[in-house]
C-alpha atoms as a PDB file:
ATOM      1  CA  MET A   1      13.810 -26.517  11.993  1.00  0.00           C
ATOM      2  CA  ILE A   2      14.075 -25.382  15.683  1.00  0.00           C
ATOM      3  CA  VAL A   3      15.328 -21.922  15.300  1.00  0.00           C
ATOM      4  CA  LEU A   4      17.003 -21.757  18.689  1.00  0.00           C
ATOM      5  CA  VAL A   5      18.759 -25.020  18.056  1.00  0.00           C
ATOM      6  CA  LYS A   6      20.356 -22.757  14.970  1.00  0.00           C
ATOM      7  CA  LEU A   7      20.869 -19.742  17.314  1.00  0.00           C
ATOM      8  CA  ALA A   8      23.313 -22.247  19.473  1.00  0.00           C
ATOM      9  CA  PHE A   9      24.956 -23.858  16.329  1.00  0.00           C
ATOM     10  CA  LEU A  10      25.516 -20.430  14.843  1.00  0.00           C
ATOM     11  CA  ALA A  11      27.093 -19.110  18.082  1.00  0.00           C
ATOM     12  CA  HIS A  12      30.438 -20.785  17.606  1.00  0.00           C
ATOM     13  CA  ALA A  13      31.602 -18.261  15.153  1.00  0.00           C
ATOM     14  CA  TYR A  14      32.125 -15.219  17.376  1.00  0.00           C
ATOM     15  CA  SER A  15      32.051 -16.980  20.833  1.00  0.00           C
ATOM     16  CA  MET A  16      34.428 -14.495  22.630  1.00  0.00           C
ATOM     17  CA  GLU A  17      31.864 -11.675  21.883  1.00  0.00           C
ATOM     18  CA  GLU A  18      28.402 -13.571  21.940  1.00  0.00           C
ATOM     19  CA  LEU A  19      26.253 -13.603  25.030  1.00  0.00           C
ATOM     20  CA  ASP A  20      22.986 -15.906  24.393  1.00  0.00           C
ATOM     21  CA  LEU A  21      20.398 -13.189  24.998  1.00  0.00           C
ATOM     22  CA  LYS A  22      18.058 -15.639  27.175  1.00  0.00           C
ATOM     23  CA  ASP A  23      20.994 -16.335  29.670  1.00  0.00           C
ATOM     24  CA  LEU A  24      21.457 -13.018  30.200  1.00  0.00           C
ATOM     25  CA  LEU A  25      17.867 -12.154  30.689  1.00  0.00           C
ATOM     26  CA  GLU A  26      17.592 -15.100  33.498  1.00  0.00           C
ATOM     27  CA  LYS A  27      18.242 -12.452  36.205  1.00  0.00           C
ATOM     28  CA  TYR A  28      15.067 -10.730  35.293  1.00  0.00           C
ATOM     29  CA  ARG A  29      13.106 -14.172  35.790  1.00  0.00           C
ATOM     30  CA  GLY A  30       9.836 -13.646  37.004  1.00  0.00           C
ATOM     31  CA  LYS A  31       9.971  -9.790  37.530  1.00  0.00           C
ATOM     32  CA  ALA A  32       8.327  -6.916  35.582  1.00  0.00           C
ATOM     33  CA  VAL A  33      10.102  -4.181  33.254  1.00  0.00           C
ATOM     34  CA  ASP A  34       9.195  -1.123  31.601  1.00  0.00           C
ATOM     35  CA  PHE A  35       9.005  -1.769  27.586  1.00  0.00           C
ATOM     36  CA  TYR A  36       9.740   0.472  24.782  1.00  0.00           C
ATOM     37  CA  ARG A  37       8.793  -0.592  21.524  1.00  0.00           C
ATOM     38  CA  PHE A  38       8.074   1.874  18.106  1.00  0.00           C
ATOM     39  CA  PRO A  39       4.917   1.572  15.885  1.00  0.00           C
ATOM     40  CA  GLY A  40       7.199  -0.313  12.951  1.00  0.00           C
ATOM     41  CA  ASN A  41       6.032  -2.658  10.281  1.00  0.00           C
ATOM     42  CA  TYR A  42       5.687  -6.407   9.703  1.00  0.00           C
ATOM     43  CA  GLY A  43       9.836  -6.604  10.751  1.00  0.00           C
ATOM     44  CA  ASP A  44       8.923  -5.115  14.018  1.00  0.00           C
ATOM     45  CA  SER A  45       6.126  -7.284  14.203  1.00  0.00           C
ATOM     46  CA  LEU A  46       8.141 -10.338  13.562  1.00  0.00           C
ATOM     47  CA  ILE A  47      10.837  -9.293  15.930  1.00  0.00           C
ATOM     48  CA  TRP A  48       8.193  -8.569  18.808  1.00  0.00           C
ATOM     49  CA  HIS A  49       6.714 -12.149  18.443  1.00  0.00           C
ATOM     50  CA  GLY A  50       9.673 -13.540  19.023  1.00  0.00           C
ATOM     51  CA  THR A  51      10.634 -11.609  21.835  1.00  0.00           C
ATOM     52  CA  LYS A  52       7.314 -12.420  23.322  1.00  0.00           C
ATOM     53  CA  ILE A  53       8.138 -16.278  22.980  1.00  0.00           C
ATOM     54  CA  LEU A  54      11.380 -15.523  25.144  1.00  0.00           C
ATOM     55  CA  LEU A  55       9.999 -13.236  27.588  1.00  0.00           C
ATOM     56  CA  ASN A  56       7.118 -15.907  28.198  1.00  0.00           C
ATOM     57  CA  GLU A  57       9.332 -18.288  28.613  1.00  0.00           C
ATOM     58  CA  LEU A  58      11.171 -16.424  31.398  1.00  0.00           C
ATOM     59  CA  ASN A  59       8.125 -15.102  32.982  1.00  0.00           C
ATOM     60  CA  ILE A  60       9.084 -11.424  32.337  1.00  0.00           C
ATOM     61  CA  SER A  61       6.146  -9.247  32.503  1.00  0.00           C
ATOM     62  CA  GLU A  62       6.514  -6.211  30.251  1.00  0.00           C
ATOM     63  CA  ASN A  63       4.779  -2.762  30.805  1.00  0.00           C
ATOM     64  CA  TYR A  64       4.479  -0.964  27.637  1.00  0.00           C
ATOM     65  CA  VAL A  65       5.799   2.693  28.037  1.00  0.00           C
ATOM     66  CA  GLU A  66       5.658   5.941  25.465  1.00  0.00           C
ATOM     67  CA  ILE A  67       8.083   8.862  25.619  1.00  0.00           C
ATOM     68  CA  ASP A  68       5.589  10.831  27.908  1.00  0.00           C
ATOM     69  CA  SER A  69       5.033   7.870  30.249  1.00  0.00           C
ATOM     70  CA  PRO A  70       5.822   7.809  33.773  1.00  0.00           C
ATOM     71  CA  LYS A  71       8.168   5.296  35.192  1.00  0.00           C
ATOM     72  CA  ASN A  72       6.686   1.816  36.504  1.00  0.00           C
ATOM     73  CA  ASN A  73       9.917  -0.329  37.051  1.00  0.00           C
ATOM     74  CA  ASP A  74      13.701   0.503  37.382  1.00  0.00           C
ATOM     75  CA  VAL A  75      14.316  -1.658  34.497  1.00  0.00           C
ATOM     76  CA  LEU A  76      13.948  -0.666  31.053  1.00  0.00           C
ATOM     77  CA  PHE A  77      14.023  -2.857  27.931  1.00  0.00           C
ATOM     78  CA  ILE A  78      14.399  -1.449  24.468  1.00  0.00           C
ATOM     79  CA  ASP A  79      12.679  -3.504  21.713  1.00  0.00           C
ATOM     80  CA  GLY A  80      15.197  -4.846  18.964  1.00  0.00           C
ATOM     81  CA  GLY A  81      15.433  -3.880  15.469  1.00  0.00           C
ATOM     82  CA  GLY A  82      16.871  -0.881  13.642  1.00  0.00           C
ATOM     83  CA  ASN A  83      15.327   1.956  14.824  1.00  0.00           C
ATOM     84  CA  PHE A  84      18.918   3.173  16.638  1.00  0.00           C
ATOM     85  CA  VAL A  85      20.368   4.536  13.671  1.00  0.00           C
ATOM     86  CA  ASP A  86      20.924   7.748  12.177  1.00  0.00           C
ATOM     87  CA  TYR A  87      17.504   7.271   9.832  1.00  0.00           C
ATOM     88  CA  TYR A  88      15.134   7.192  12.668  1.00  0.00           C
ATOM     89  CA  SER A  89      14.641   9.037  15.548  1.00  0.00           C
ATOM     90  CA  ASP A  90      12.392   6.867  18.020  1.00  0.00           C
ATOM     91  CA  VAL A  91      14.466   5.019  20.585  1.00  0.00           C
ATOM     92  CA  ARG A  92      17.053   7.964  20.196  1.00  0.00           C
ATOM     93  CA  ASP A  93      14.619  10.767  21.565  1.00  0.00           C
ATOM     94  CA  PHE A  94      13.253   7.969  23.987  1.00  0.00           C
ATOM     95  CA  LEU A  95      16.641   7.792  25.833  1.00  0.00           C
ATOM     96  CA  ILE A  96      17.259  11.252  26.006  1.00  0.00           C
ATOM     97  CA  LYS A  97      14.021  11.867  27.644  1.00  0.00           C
ATOM     98  CA  LYS A  98      14.951   8.908  30.201  1.00  0.00           C
ATOM     99  CA  HIS A  99      18.375   9.128  30.472  1.00  0.00           C
ATOM    100  CA  ASN A 100      18.384   9.496  34.100  1.00  0.00           C
ATOM    101  CA  LEU A 101      15.278   7.398  34.735  1.00  0.00           C
ATOM    102  CA  TYR A 102      16.324   3.815  35.086  1.00  0.00           C
ATOM    103  CA  ARG A 103      18.643   1.878  36.922  1.00  0.00           C
ATOM    104  CA  GLU A 104      19.194  -0.546  34.392  1.00  0.00           C
ATOM    105  CA  ILE A 105      18.401  -0.101  30.382  1.00  0.00           C
ATOM    106  CA  VAL A 106      18.782  -3.403  28.174  1.00  0.00           C
ATOM    107  CA  ILE A 107      18.962  -2.487  24.514  1.00  0.00           C
ATOM    108  CA  LEU A 108      17.436  -6.118  22.805  1.00  0.00           C
ATOM    109  CA  PRO A 109      19.326  -6.946  19.531  1.00  0.00           C
ATOM    110  CA  HIS A 110      19.754  -4.098  17.497  1.00  0.00           C
ATOM    111  CA  THR A 111      21.594  -2.667  14.559  1.00  0.00           C
ATOM    112  CA  ILE A 112      23.269   0.419  16.129  1.00  0.00           C
ATOM    113  CA  PHE A 113      25.387   3.339  13.957  1.00  0.00           C
ATOM    114  CA  GLY A 114      26.087   7.016  14.101  1.00  0.00           C
ATOM    115  CA  ASP A 115      27.783   9.535  16.668  1.00  0.00           C
ATOM    116  CA  LYS A 116      24.475  10.512  17.966  1.00  0.00           C
ATOM    117  CA  GLN A 117      23.590   6.825  19.140  1.00  0.00           C
ATOM    118  CA  ILE A 118      26.757   6.949  20.805  1.00  0.00           C
ATOM    119  CA  GLU A 119      26.319  10.144  22.572  1.00  0.00           C
ATOM    120  CA  VAL A 120      23.086   8.875  23.863  1.00  0.00           C
ATOM    121  CA  LEU A 121      24.357   5.552  25.101  1.00  0.00           C
ATOM    122  CA  ASN A 122      27.494   7.594  26.776  1.00  0.00           C
ATOM    123  CA  ASN A 123      24.838  10.087  28.747  1.00  0.00           C
ATOM    124  CA  LEU A 124      22.814   7.295  30.149  1.00  0.00           C
ATOM    125  CA  SER A 125      22.987   7.332  34.097  1.00  0.00           C
ATOM    126  CA  GLY A 126      22.027   3.770  34.896  1.00  0.00           C
ATOM    127  CA  ASP A 127      23.575   0.585  33.496  1.00  0.00           C
ATOM    128  CA  ALA A 128      23.264   0.014  30.151  1.00  0.00           C
ATOM    129  CA  ILE A 129      23.499  -3.521  28.650  1.00  0.00           C
ATOM    130  CA  VAL A 130      23.421  -3.338  24.650  1.00  0.00           C
ATOM    131  CA  PHE A 131      22.927  -6.123  22.418  1.00  0.00           C
ATOM    132  CA  CYS A 132      23.840  -5.850  18.605  1.00  0.00           C
ATOM    133  CA  ARG A 133      22.475  -8.090  15.988  1.00  0.00           C
ATOM    134  CA  GLU A 134      25.407  -8.125  13.532  1.00  0.00           C
ATOM    135  CA  LYS A 135      29.149  -7.638  14.170  1.00  0.00           C
ATOM    136  CA  VAL A 136      29.420  -4.118  12.192  1.00  0.00           C
ATOM    137  CA  SER A 137      27.470  -2.543  14.895  1.00  0.00           C
ATOM    138  CA  PHE A 138      28.976  -4.271  17.639  1.00  0.00           C
ATOM    139  CA  ASP A 139      32.245  -3.499  16.527  1.00  0.00           C
ATOM    140  CA  PHE A 140      31.254   0.213  16.321  1.00  0.00           C
ATOM    141  CA  VAL A 141      29.729   0.376  19.726  1.00  0.00           C
ATOM    142  CA  LYS A 142      32.506  -1.534  21.200  1.00  0.00           C
ATOM    143  CA  ARG A 143      34.822   0.702  19.983  1.00  0.00           C
ATOM    144  CA  ASN A 144      33.112   4.166  21.204  1.00  0.00           C
ATOM    145  CA  ILE A 145      30.605   3.196  24.232  1.00  0.00           C
ATOM    146  CA  LEU A 146      32.540   4.688  27.219  1.00  0.00           C
ATOM    147  CA  LYS A 147      30.485   2.783  29.854  1.00  0.00           C
ATOM    148  CA  GLY A 148      27.957  -0.460  29.623  1.00  0.00           C
ATOM    149  CA  ASP A 149      28.358  -3.861  28.582  1.00  0.00           C
ATOM    150  CA  VAL A 150      28.081  -4.724  24.766  1.00  0.00           C
ATOM    151  CA  TYR A 151      27.360  -8.166  23.496  1.00  0.00           C
ATOM    152  CA  LEU A 152      26.832  -9.797  19.885  1.00  0.00           C
ATOM    153  CA  TRP A 153      23.756 -11.865  19.407  1.00  0.00           C
ATOM    154  CA  HIS A 154      21.036 -12.617  16.896  1.00  0.00           C
ATOM    155  CA  ASP A 155      17.996 -10.445  16.007  1.00  0.00           C
ATOM    156  CA  CYS A 156      14.742 -12.011  18.185  1.00  0.00           C
ATOM    157  CA  ALA A 157      13.016 -12.800  14.944  1.00  0.00           C
ATOM    158  CA  PHE A 158      14.883 -15.898  15.367  1.00  0.00           C
ATOM    159  CA  TYR A 159      12.989 -17.060  18.398  1.00  0.00           C
ATOM    160  CA  ASN A 160       9.895 -17.495  15.935  1.00  0.00           C
ATOM    161  CA  ILE A 161       9.016 -21.257  15.166  1.00  0.00           C
ATOM    162  CA  PHE A 162       6.814 -21.750  12.037  1.00  0.00           C
ATOM    163  CA  PRO A 163       5.324 -24.882  10.346  1.00  0.00           C
ATOM    164  CA  LYS A 164       6.763 -26.188   6.995  1.00  0.00           C
ATOM    165  CA  PHE A 165       4.196 -25.414   4.068  1.00  0.00           C
ATOM    166  CA  PRO A 166       4.302 -27.322   0.578  1.00  0.00           C
ATOM    167  CA  GLU A 167       6.864 -25.482  -1.827  1.00  0.00           C
ATOM    168  CA  GLY A 168       4.472 -22.985  -3.256  1.00  0.00           C
ATOM    169  CA  ASN A 169       4.920 -21.741  -6.657  1.00  0.00           C
ATOM    170  CA  GLY A 170       5.857 -18.597  -8.595  1.00  0.00           C
ATOM    171  CA  VAL A 171       8.354 -15.748  -7.232  1.00  0.00           C
ATOM    172  CA  LEU A 172       7.523 -12.811  -5.370  1.00  0.00           C
ATOM    173  CA  ASN A 173       9.088  -9.441  -5.490  1.00  0.00           C
ATOM    174  CA  VAL A 174       8.850  -7.561  -1.887  1.00  0.00           C
ATOM    175  CA  PHE A 175      10.941  -4.384  -2.627  1.00  0.00           C
ATOM    176  CA  ARG A 176      10.998  -1.071  -0.364  1.00  0.00           C
ATOM    177  CA  LYS A 177      10.210   1.991  -1.656  1.00  0.00           C
ATOM    178  CA  ASP A 178      11.575   4.292   1.468  1.00  0.00           C
ATOM    179  CA  LYS A 179      14.912   5.979   2.368  1.00  0.00           C
ATOM    180  CA  GLU A 180      16.458   2.392   2.959  1.00  0.00           C
ATOM    181  CA  SER A 181      16.086   1.271  -0.755  1.00  0.00           C
ATOM    182  CA  VAL A 182      18.863   1.716  -2.994  1.00  0.00           C
ATOM    183  CA  LEU A 183      16.866   0.399  -6.224  1.00  0.00           C
ATOM    184  CA  ASP A 184      16.378   3.027  -9.194  1.00  0.00           C
ATOM    185  CA  ASN A 185      13.654   1.068 -10.460  1.00  0.00           C
ATOM    186  CA  ILE A 186      11.316  -1.250  -8.458  1.00  0.00           C
ATOM    187  CA  PRO A 187      10.421  -4.559 -10.347  1.00  0.00           C
ATOM    188  CA  ASN A 188       7.363  -4.854 -11.573  1.00  0.00           C
ATOM    189  CA  PHE A 189       4.690  -6.870  -9.726  1.00  0.00           C
ATOM    190  CA  ASN A 190       6.386  -5.422  -6.640  1.00  0.00           C
ATOM    191  CA  ASN A 191       4.404  -6.120  -3.285  1.00  0.00           C
ATOM    192  CA  ASP A 192       5.848  -4.225  -0.192  1.00  0.00           C
ATOM    193  CA  LEU A 193       4.230  -6.708   2.473  1.00  0.00           C
ATOM    194  CA  SER A 194       6.143  -5.174   5.328  1.00  0.00           C
ATOM    195  CA  TYR A 195       4.979  -1.751   5.150  1.00  0.00           C
ATOM    196  CA  ASN A 196       1.224  -3.051   5.508  1.00  0.00           C
ATOM    197  CA  GLY A 197       2.504  -4.226   9.139  1.00  0.00           C
ATOM    198  CA  TYR A 198       2.807  -2.759  12.493  1.00  0.00           C
ATOM    199  CA  ALA A 199       4.729  -3.781  15.612  1.00  0.00           C
ATOM    200  CA  THR A 200       2.033  -5.805  17.412  1.00  0.00           C
ATOM    201  CA  LYS A 201       0.309  -7.042  14.020  1.00  0.00           C
ATOM    202  CA  PRO A 202      -0.251 -10.965  14.201  1.00  0.00           C
ATOM    203  CA  LEU A 203       1.699 -12.631  11.743  1.00  0.00           C
ATOM    204  CA  ASP A 204      -1.012 -14.684  10.046  1.00  0.00           C
ATOM    205  CA  GLU A 205      -1.447 -12.431   7.131  1.00  0.00           C
ATOM    206  CA  LEU A 206       2.183 -12.094   6.444  1.00  0.00           C
ATOM    207  CA  ILE A 207       2.954 -15.745   6.465  1.00  0.00           C
ATOM    208  CA  ASN A 208      -0.417 -16.778   4.232  1.00  0.00           C
ATOM    209  CA  SER A 209       1.028 -14.257   1.660  1.00  0.00           C
ATOM    210  CA  LEU A 210       4.488 -15.846   1.728  1.00  0.00           C
ATOM    211  CA  LYS A 211       3.720 -19.179   1.824  1.00  0.00           C
ATOM    212  CA  GLN A 212       1.773 -19.412  -1.884  1.00  0.00           C
ATOM    213  CA  TYR A 213       5.254 -18.612  -3.480  1.00  0.00           C
ATOM    214  CA  LYS A 214       8.253 -20.846  -4.077  1.00  0.00           C
ATOM    215  CA  GLU A 215      10.579 -17.623  -4.345  1.00  0.00           C
ATOM    216  CA  ILE A 216      11.250 -14.699  -2.467  1.00  0.00           C
ATOM    217  CA  ASN A 217      12.977 -11.656  -3.848  1.00  0.00           C
ATOM    218  CA  THR A 218      13.384  -8.699  -1.311  1.00  0.00           C
ATOM    219  CA  ASP A 219      15.436  -6.105  -0.080  1.00  0.00           C
ATOM    220  CA  ARG A 220      13.511  -6.398   3.433  1.00  0.00           C
ATOM    221  CA  LEU A 221      15.409  -7.922   5.957  1.00  0.00           C
ATOM    222  CA  HIS A 222      12.512  -9.233   7.894  1.00  0.00           C
ATOM    223  CA  ILE A 223      10.503 -10.499   4.892  1.00  0.00           C
ATOM    224  CA  ALA A 224      13.874 -12.358   4.294  1.00  0.00           C
ATOM    225  CA  ILE A 225      14.226 -13.938   7.654  1.00  0.00           C
ATOM    226  CA  CYS A 226      10.455 -14.879   7.744  1.00  0.00           C
ATOM    227  CA  ALA A 227      10.466 -16.565   3.878  1.00  0.00           C
ATOM    228  CA  THR A 228      13.774 -18.251   5.303  1.00  0.00           C
ATOM    229  CA  LEU A 229      12.537 -19.454   8.373  1.00  0.00           C
ATOM    230  CA  LEU A 230       9.090 -20.626   6.116  1.00  0.00           C
ATOM    231  CA  GLY A 231      11.908 -22.883   3.594  1.00  0.00           C
ATOM    232  CA  LYS A 232      11.155 -20.425   0.890  1.00  0.00           C
ATOM    233  CA  LYS A 233      14.023 -19.833  -1.330  1.00  0.00           C
ATOM    234  CA  VAL A 234      15.370 -16.362  -0.760  1.00  0.00           C
ATOM    235  CA  ASN A 235      17.139 -13.874  -2.456  1.00  0.00           C
ATOM    236  CA  LEU A 236      18.191 -11.062  -0.098  1.00  0.00           C
ATOM    237  CA  PHE A 237      19.335  -7.795  -1.380  1.00  0.00           C
ATOM    238  CA  PRO A 238      21.198  -5.051  -0.345  1.00  0.00           C
ATOM    239  CA  ASN A 239      19.766  -1.873   1.696  1.00  0.00           C
ATOM    240  CA  SER A 240      21.007   1.736   1.857  1.00  0.00           C
ATOM    241  CA  TYR A 241      23.576   0.646   4.884  1.00  0.00           C
ATOM    242  CA  TYR A 242      25.271  -2.418   5.655  1.00  0.00           C
ATOM    243  CA  LYS A 243      22.363  -3.719   7.793  1.00  0.00           C
ATOM    244  CA  ASN A 244      20.961  -6.642   5.355  1.00  0.00           C
ATOM    245  CA  GLN A 245      24.724  -7.777   4.303  1.00  0.00           C
ATOM    246  CA  ALA A 246      25.983  -8.100   7.921  1.00  0.00           C
ATOM    247  CA  VAL A 247      22.854  -9.887   9.712  1.00  0.00           C
ATOM    248  CA  PHE A 248      22.785 -12.251   6.632  1.00  0.00           C
ATOM    249  CA  ASP A 249      26.895 -12.886   7.138  1.00  0.00           C
ATOM    250  CA  TYR A 250      25.967 -13.175  11.204  1.00  0.00           C
ATOM    251  CA  SER A 251      22.835 -15.242  11.147  1.00  0.00           C
ATOM    252  CA  LEU A 252      21.350 -16.059   7.860  1.00  0.00           C
ATOM    253  CA  ARG A 253      24.663 -17.185   5.797  1.00  0.00           C
ATOM    254  CA  ASP A 254      24.344 -21.254   7.218  1.00  0.00           C
ATOM    255  CA  PHE A 255      20.523 -21.498   5.872  1.00  0.00           C
ATOM    256  CA  PRO A 256      20.810 -23.334   2.875  1.00  0.00           C
ATOM    257  CA  ASN A 257      17.810 -21.647   1.162  1.00  0.00           C
ATOM    258  CA  ILE A 258      18.819 -17.949   1.588  1.00  0.00           C
ATOM    259  CA  SER A 259      21.856 -16.091  -0.530  1.00  0.00           C
ATOM    260  CA  PHE A 260      22.832 -12.594  -0.714  1.00  0.00           C
ATOM    261  CA  LYS A 261      22.630 -11.004  -3.988  1.00  0.00           C
ATOM    262  CA  ASP A 262      25.240  -8.034  -4.055  1.00  0.00           C
ATOM    263  CA  GLN A 263      24.250  -6.310  -6.908  1.00  0.00           C
ATOM    264  CA  LYS A 264      24.231  -2.696  -8.278  1.00  0.00           C
ATOM    265  CA  VAL A 265      21.571  -0.454  -8.517  1.00  0.00           C
ATOM    266  CA  GLY A 266      19.823  -0.860 -11.856  1.00  0.00           C
ATOM    267  CA  ASP A 267      21.262  -4.759 -11.950  1.00  0.00           C
ATOM    268  CA  LEU A 268      18.484  -6.030 -10.885  1.00  0.00           C
ATOM    269  CA  PRO A 269      16.414  -8.413 -13.086  1.00  0.00           C
ATOM    270  CA  ASP A 270      12.603  -7.247 -13.372  1.00  0.00           C
ATOM    271  CA  ILE A 271      11.455 -11.255 -12.474  1.00  0.00           C
ATOM    272  CA  THR A 272       7.620 -11.332 -13.055  1.00  0.00           C
END
């Protein structure tokens, strides 16, 4: 499956609110931008690799910056993901410190919630373009932002294109153990693969782990996305807020090999 075709197919449902990210980024073709990313895990690596595919197609060169870095370009890209929420302060802290430094700020497809994030967006002095990767965040930001443009588009992980592998055998449990978990008890034989990654880590190890199995149970969104793109049967479970359900509803629902399991805590079967 060529994922970009899949994204185009999915776009019809929210056409009045969506803007193809590539279409907007065309204005930066052949230019250099400052780019902020966070250390992250394998999910962030999947996003970053997908983003790099898109930037390379547009010949956009990125200068990576940290919170104490000087400005090198007038335009800043914020890497996509789930770090602009109350749980994490990376993006918020960066934008608070850099609020008047850039002429344009593009936030790549993100999950966004919380009044702290809205305050940061409303205090930016430059032009802000915010992409949300699901409808819940889009509605929240659109309703509360005082300036800037807000669009709906898919997580950049979907720009990755993977080969098909043999079906594999058995079931792999990949459940998180951090503050986004809603499980009272983690299933036996759990392997939280995402925890072993970081933002720029090559994807080979992750793919080699997933391709061995026929079925994946996970509450890690990007494990679910990667396994879905690899053609595995995927059961995606809730995290502690709406992220997993919302991204599933917007971007994953039409894939035939993934389903969302909206089970209560304690109802999860101990699959081995």
